[in-house]
Amino acid sequence: MIPNPIISLSLPKSGTTTLATALRRAGLNVIDWRIRESQTFRDDLKDQLIAPLMYQDYFDSGDPLARFDEFHAITEMSAINGKMSMWPQTDSGMLGAILRHHPGAKFLLSMRDPAAVAKSIMGWNNLGKARLPRNDVPGLPRPYGGNVENLTQWVNGHYDFCARYFRRSPNFLAYELEEKNVQHRISRFLSLELPWWGKANENIRRADTPDAESDEHAQT
């Protein structure tokens, strides 16, 4: 991967699409949950989910980013569908391996009020109503995850995990999505000018609208 890769540890509906948009407008090659054909010159990576690639390389070579040398940033890593449930941002072994192989890596955690995140997940296609409660997720085993209370506790647990794992680490920045100086803080942390910051990929479905069962993953 390009020196000092940028890795988002954020959960779905926590502002990962906003971060991806900001980094792309700064000129970076950013991937989020799936590698699109236009983002890579390698045929073996086109249209592939990011999480299984990371785990394959982690167990094959020890470096989860071994094949990601053309990308500047990963803003969403998790993959959850009927075939898999992979959450690299919750895996201490995975994060440690990234740091060993890429000591200059920058990790970002975008935070919102956990209850607001939970409500957004419940309102996003079938993520909260079907995929999370039907799959084993780190910190959220079946059958939990199908209501706001479960999801709020899960989000809180992930925030606590990241804070403990990266405590006092210069490689880590946690930020509140709504804070006034967030654009400046991220720019300073990454040593990168961000020409844009705003809101991207807001929910357009209410929690009581029909689920999109064909969706393979929730963009965030």
Foldseek 3Di string as FASTA:
>chain_A
DAAQAEEELEDPPQCLVLVVVLVVQLPFLEAEQAADPVRDPDPVRHRHGLQVQLVVCCVPPVASCPPVHRGRYYSHRFFWAPPDTGRLSQDLSSVVSNCVVRVNYAYEYRDEQLLVSLQQQLFFFCRQQPGQCPAQYVQRGHNGRNHSVRSSVSNVVSVVSVCVSQPVPLRYDYDYLPDDCVQVVVCVSVVTHGPDGDGPDGRPGHSPDHHPNPDRDTHD
